[in-house]
Amino acid sequence: MTSVFDQSPSGCSAPTTMDLLDKALEQDNLRAWALRLGLSEEALRTARSRGRLSPVIAGALAEDLHLDPAQWIVIAVLETERDSACKTRMVQRFRKSWQCLRDPRANRS
Protein backbone atom coordinates (compact mmCIF):
# COMPACT_ATOMS: atom_id res chain seq x y z
CA MET A 1 0.00 0.00 0.00
CA THR A 2 1.28 3.44 -0.87
CA SER A 3 1.48 5.87 2.00
CA VAL A 4 -0.79 8.89 2.01
CA PHE A 5 2.33 10.95 2.57
CA ASP A 6 4.03 10.02 -0.73
CA GLN A 7 7.69 10.95 -0.43
CA SER A 8 8.91 13.13 2.39
CA PRO A 9 11.39 15.94 1.71
CA SER A 10 14.22 13.91 3.27
CA GLY A 11 13.70 11.22 0.64
CA CYS A 12 12.44 8.85 3.28
CA SER A 13 9.23 7.12 2.33
CA ALA A 14 6.60 7.89 4.96
CA PRO A 15 5.10 5.03 6.93
CA THR A 16 1.77 3.31 6.62
CA THR A 17 -0.15 1.47 9.29
CA MET A 18 0.86 -1.74 7.53
CA ASP A 19 4.46 -0.86 8.40
CA LEU A 20 3.36 -0.65 12.02
CA LEU A 21 1.65 -4.04 11.82
CA ASP A 22 4.71 -5.56 10.15
CA LYS A 23 6.86 -4.19 12.98
CA ALA A 24 4.51 -5.76 15.52
CA LEU A 25 4.55 -9.09 13.68
CA GLU A 26 8.36 -9.14 13.91
CA GLN A 27 7.91 -9.44 17.67
CA ASP A 28 4.93 -11.78 17.89
CA ASN A 29 2.28 -13.48 15.78
CA LEU A 30 -1.19 -12.23 14.89
CA ARG A 31 -2.90 -14.40 17.52
CA ALA A 32 -0.67 -13.07 20.31
CA TRP A 33 -1.28 -9.45 19.27
CA ALA A 34 -5.02 -10.02 19.08
CA LEU A 35 -5.02 -11.43 22.63
CA ARG A 36 -2.79 -8.62 23.92
CA LEU A 37 -5.04 -5.94 22.40
CA GLY A 38 -8.30 -7.65 23.33
CA LEU A 39 -9.32 -8.17 19.69
CA SER A 40 -10.35 -11.11 17.61
CA GLU A 41 -7.77 -12.50 15.23
CA GLU A 42 -10.27 -11.79 12.49
CA ALA A 43 -10.12 -8.03 13.24
CA LEU A 44 -6.37 -7.97 12.54
CA ARG A 45 -6.70 -10.25 9.50
CA THR A 46 -9.39 -7.98 8.07
CA ALA A 47 -7.25 -4.89 8.68
CA ARG A 48 -4.33 -6.57 6.93
CA SER A 49 -6.46 -7.56 3.94
CA ARG A 50 -7.82 -4.00 3.66
CA GLY A 51 -4.30 -2.63 3.87
CA ARG A 52 -4.85 -0.35 6.84
CA LEU A 53 -5.42 -0.39 10.57
CA SER A 54 -8.16 1.52 12.34
CA PRO A 55 -6.90 4.54 14.27
CA VAL A 56 -7.52 2.95 17.67
CA ILE A 57 -5.81 -0.31 16.74
CA ALA A 58 -2.86 1.63 15.31
CA GLY A 59 -2.62 3.66 18.51
CA ALA A 60 -2.79 0.59 20.75
CA LEU A 61 -0.17 -1.26 18.70
CA ALA A 62 2.12 1.77 18.74
CA GLU A 63 1.75 2.09 22.51
CA ASP A 64 2.68 -1.58 23.02
CA LEU A 65 5.67 -1.11 20.71
CA HIS A 66 6.77 1.96 22.74
CA LEU A 67 6.09 4.31 19.83
CA ASP A 68 4.07 7.53 19.86
CA PRO A 69 0.41 6.45 19.54
CA ALA A 70 -0.70 9.93 18.45
CA GLN A 71 1.48 9.87 15.34
CA TRP A 72 0.15 6.46 14.31
CA ILE A 73 -3.44 7.46 14.99
CA VAL A 74 -3.03 10.45 12.68
CA ILE A 75 -1.49 8.24 9.98
CA ALA A 76 -4.41 5.82 10.28
CA VAL A 77 -6.97 8.62 10.11
CA LEU A 78 -5.37 10.14 7.02
CA GLU A 79 -5.23 6.72 5.32
CA THR A 80 -9.00 6.39 5.61
CA GLU A 81 -9.95 9.88 4.47
CA ARG A 82 -11.20 10.59 0.98
CA ASP A 83 -9.10 12.92 -1.15
CA SER A 84 -9.91 16.56 -0.43
CA ALA A 85 -8.21 19.89 -0.02
CA CYS A 86 -8.28 19.42 3.76
CA LYS A 87 -6.67 15.99 3.55
CA THR A 88 -3.95 17.34 1.27
CA ARG A 89 -3.31 20.18 3.70
CA MET A 90 -3.01 17.83 6.67
CA VAL A 91 -0.78 15.38 4.80
CA GLN A 92 1.57 18.22 3.87
CA ARG A 93 1.62 19.50 7.45
CA PHE A 94 2.51 16.17 9.01
CA ARG A 95 4.94 15.21 6.26
CA LYS A 96 6.97 18.32 7.11
CA SER A 97 6.81 17.91 10.88
CA TRP A 98 7.70 14.23 11.32
CA GLN A 99 10.97 12.46 10.89
CA CYS A 100 10.90 9.19 9.03
CA LEU A 101 8.93 6.83 11.28
CA ARG A 102 9.63 3.71 9.24
CA ASP A 103 13.37 3.42 9.90
CA PRO A 104 15.31 6.09 11.83
CA ARG A 105 18.51 5.01 10.07
CA ALA A 106 17.02 6.16 6.74
CA ASN A 107 17.51 9.80 7.80
CA ARG A 108 21.27 9.40 8.09
CA SER A 109 23.46 10.32 5.17
C-alpha atoms as a PDB file:
ATOM      1  CA  MET A   1       0.000   0.000   0.000  1.00  0.00           C
ATOM      2  CA  THR A   2       1.279   3.444  -0.869  1.00  0.00           C
ATOM      3  CA  SER A   3       1.477   5.866   1.995  1.00  0.00           C
ATOM      4  CA  VAL A   4      -0.791   8.892   2.013  1.00  0.00           C
ATOM      5  CA  PHE A   5       2.330  10.951   2.569  1.00  0.00           C
ATOM      6  CA  ASP A   6       4.026  10.018  -0.732  1.00  0.00           C
ATOM      7  CA  GLN A   7       7.692  10.955  -0.431  1.00  0.00           C
ATOM      8  CA  SER A   8       8.909  13.131   2.395  1.00  0.00           C
ATOM      9  CA  PRO A   9      11.387  15.941   1.707  1.00  0.00           C
ATOM     10  CA  SER A  10      14.216  13.909   3.273  1.00  0.00           C
ATOM     11  CA  GLY A  11      13.699  11.218   0.639  1.00  0.00           C
ATOM     12  CA  CYS A  12      12.436   8.845   3.284  1.00  0.00           C
ATOM     13  CA  SER A  13       9.227   7.123   2.332  1.00  0.00           C
ATOM     14  CA  ALA A  14       6.598   7.890   4.955  1.00  0.00           C
ATOM     15  CA  PRO A  15       5.102   5.034   6.932  1.00  0.00           C
ATOM     16  CA  THR A  16       1.765   3.306   6.622  1.00  0.00           C
ATOM     17  CA  THR A  17      -0.153   1.472   9.286  1.00  0.00           C
ATOM     18  CA  MET A  18       0.860  -1.737   7.533  1.00  0.00           C
ATOM     19  CA  ASP A  19       4.462  -0.856   8.403  1.00  0.00           C
ATOM     20  CA  LEU A  20       3.362  -0.647  12.023  1.00  0.00           C
ATOM     21  CA  LEU A  21       1.649  -4.037  11.819  1.00  0.00           C
ATOM     22  CA  ASP A  22       4.711  -5.556  10.152  1.00  0.00           C
ATOM     23  CA  LYS A  23       6.864  -4.187  12.975  1.00  0.00           C
ATOM     24  CA  ALA A  24       4.506  -5.757  15.522  1.00  0.00           C
ATOM     25  CA  LEU A  25       4.551  -9.089  13.682  1.00  0.00           C
ATOM     26  CA  GLU A  26       8.357  -9.136  13.908  1.00  0.00           C
ATOM     27  CA  GLN A  27       7.912  -9.439  17.674  1.00  0.00           C
ATOM     28  CA  ASP A  28       4.926 -11.777  17.891  1.00  0.00           C
ATOM     29  CA  ASN A  29       2.282 -13.484  15.780  1.00  0.00           C
ATOM     30  CA  LEU A  30      -1.194 -12.228  14.891  1.00  0.00           C
ATOM     31  CA  ARG A  31      -2.899 -14.397  17.518  1.00  0.00           C
ATOM     32  CA  ALA A  32      -0.674 -13.068  20.309  1.00  0.00           C
ATOM     33  CA  TRP A  33      -1.276  -9.451  19.266  1.00  0.00           C
ATOM     34  CA  ALA A  34      -5.025 -10.021  19.083  1.00  0.00           C
ATOM     35  CA  LEU A  35      -5.019 -11.432  22.627  1.00  0.00           C
ATOM     36  CA  ARG A  36      -2.791  -8.622  23.915  1.00  0.00           C
ATOM     37  CA  LEU A  37      -5.043  -5.941  22.401  1.00  0.00           C
ATOM     38  CA  GLY A  38      -8.304  -7.655  23.332  1.00  0.00           C
ATOM     39  CA  LEU A  39      -9.322  -8.168  19.691  1.00  0.00           C
ATOM     40  CA  SER A  40     -10.350 -11.112  17.613  1.00  0.00           C
ATOM     41  CA  GLU A  41      -7.771 -12.502  15.233  1.00  0.00           C
ATOM     42  CA  GLU A  42     -10.268 -11.786  12.486  1.00  0.00           C
ATOM     43  CA  ALA A  43     -10.118  -8.033  13.240  1.00  0.00           C
ATOM     44  CA  LEU A  44      -6.373  -7.970  12.541  1.00  0.00           C
ATOM     45  CA  ARG A  45      -6.701 -10.248   9.504  1.00  0.00           C
ATOM     46  CA  THR A  46      -9.392  -7.977   8.067  1.00  0.00           C
ATOM     47  CA  ALA A  47      -7.253  -4.893   8.680  1.00  0.00           C
ATOM     48  CA  ARG A  48      -4.327  -6.567   6.928  1.00  0.00           C
ATOM     49  CA  SER A  49      -6.462  -7.563   3.936  1.00  0.00           C
ATOM     50  CA  ARG A  50      -7.819  -4.002   3.665  1.00  0.00           C
ATOM     51  CA  GLY A  51      -4.299  -2.632   3.865  1.00  0.00           C
ATOM     52  CA  ARG A  52      -4.848  -0.345   6.837  1.00  0.00           C
ATOM     53  CA  LEU A  53      -5.421  -0.387  10.574  1.00  0.00           C
ATOM     54  CA  SER A  54      -8.158   1.518  12.340  1.00  0.00           C
ATOM     55  CA  PRO A  55      -6.895   4.543  14.270  1.00  0.00           C
ATOM     56  CA  VAL A  56      -7.524   2.950  17.671  1.00  0.00           C
ATOM     57  CA  ILE A  57      -5.810  -0.307  16.744  1.00  0.00           C
ATOM     58  CA  ALA A  58      -2.863   1.633  15.312  1.00  0.00           C
ATOM     59  CA  GLY A  59      -2.617   3.664  18.514  1.00  0.00           C
ATOM     60  CA  ALA A  60      -2.794   0.591  20.745  1.00  0.00           C
ATOM     61  CA  LEU A  61      -0.170  -1.257  18.699  1.00  0.00           C
ATOM     62  CA  ALA A  62       2.120   1.768  18.741  1.00  0.00           C
ATOM     63  CA  GLU A  63       1.752   2.088  22.507  1.00  0.00           C
ATOM     64  CA  ASP A  64       2.677  -1.576  23.025  1.00  0.00           C
ATOM     65  CA  LEU A  65       5.669  -1.106  20.706  1.00  0.00           C
ATOM     66  CA  HIS A  66       6.770   1.957  22.736  1.00  0.00           C
ATOM     67  CA  LEU A  67       6.092   4.310  19.828  1.00  0.00           C
ATOM     68  CA  ASP A  68       4.066   7.526  19.861  1.00  0.00           C
ATOM     69  CA  PRO A  69       0.415   6.455  19.538  1.00  0.00           C
ATOM     70  CA  ALA A  70      -0.700   9.934  18.453  1.00  0.00           C
ATOM     71  CA  GLN A  71       1.476   9.865  15.337  1.00  0.00           C
ATOM     72  CA  TRP A  72       0.154   6.462  14.310  1.00  0.00           C
ATOM     73  CA  ILE A  73      -3.439   7.458  14.994  1.00  0.00           C
ATOM     74  CA  VAL A  74      -3.030  10.447  12.680  1.00  0.00           C
ATOM     75  CA  ILE A  75      -1.486   8.244   9.976  1.00  0.00           C
ATOM     76  CA  ALA A  76      -4.411   5.822  10.282  1.00  0.00           C
ATOM     77  CA  VAL A  77      -6.974   8.623  10.106  1.00  0.00           C
ATOM     78  CA  LEU A  78      -5.374  10.136   7.018  1.00  0.00           C
ATOM     79  CA  GLU A  79      -5.225   6.723   5.315  1.00  0.00           C
ATOM     80  CA  THR A  80      -9.003   6.387   5.605  1.00  0.00           C
ATOM     81  CA  GLU A  81      -9.951   9.883   4.468  1.00  0.00           C
ATOM     82  CA  ARG A  82     -11.203  10.589   0.980  1.00  0.00           C
ATOM     83  CA  ASP A  83      -9.104  12.918  -1.148  1.00  0.00           C
ATOM     84  CA  SER A  84      -9.913  16.556  -0.430  1.00  0.00           C
ATOM     85  CA  ALA A  85      -8.205  19.893  -0.021  1.00  0.00           C
ATOM     86  CA  CYS A  86      -8.278  19.421   3.758  1.00  0.00           C
ATOM     87  CA  LYS A  87      -6.671  15.993   3.553  1.00  0.00           C
ATOM     88  CA  THR A  88      -3.946  17.341   1.269  1.00  0.00           C
ATOM     89  CA  ARG A  89      -3.306  20.178   3.697  1.00  0.00           C
ATOM     90  CA  MET A  90      -3.006  17.832   6.674  1.00  0.00           C
ATOM     91  CA  VAL A  91      -0.777  15.384   4.800  1.00  0.00           C
ATOM     92  CA  GLN A  92       1.571  18.224   3.869  1.00  0.00           C
ATOM     93  CA  ARG A  93       1.621  19.502   7.449  1.00  0.00           C
ATOM     94  CA  PHE A  94       2.511  16.168   9.005  1.00  0.00           C
ATOM     95  CA  ARG A  95       4.939  15.210   6.261  1.00  0.00           C
ATOM     96  CA  LYS A  96       6.966  18.319   7.115  1.00  0.00           C
ATOM     97  CA  SER A  97       6.811  17.911  10.882  1.00  0.00           C
ATOM     98  CA  TRP A  98       7.703  14.225  11.323  1.00  0.00           C
ATOM     99  CA  GLN A  99      10.971  12.462  10.893  1.00  0.00           C
ATOM    100  CA  CYS A 100      10.903   9.191   9.034  1.00  0.00           C
ATOM    101  CA  LEU A 101       8.930   6.832  11.280  1.00  0.00           C
ATOM    102  CA  ARG A 102       9.630   3.709   9.245  1.00  0.00           C
ATOM    103  CA  ASP A 103      13.368   3.419   9.897  1.00  0.00           C
ATOM    104  CA  PRO A 104      15.305   6.089  11.833  1.00  0.00           C
ATOM    105  CA  ARG A 105      18.507   5.014  10.067  1.00  0.00           C
ATOM    106  CA  ALA A 106      17.022   6.159   6.745  1.00  0.00           C
ATOM    107  CA  ASN A 107      17.509   9.798   7.802  1.00  0.00           C
ATOM    108  CA  ARG A 108      21.274   9.403   8.090  1.00  0.00           C
ATOM    109  CA  SER A 109      23.457  10.316   5.173  1.00  0.00           C
END
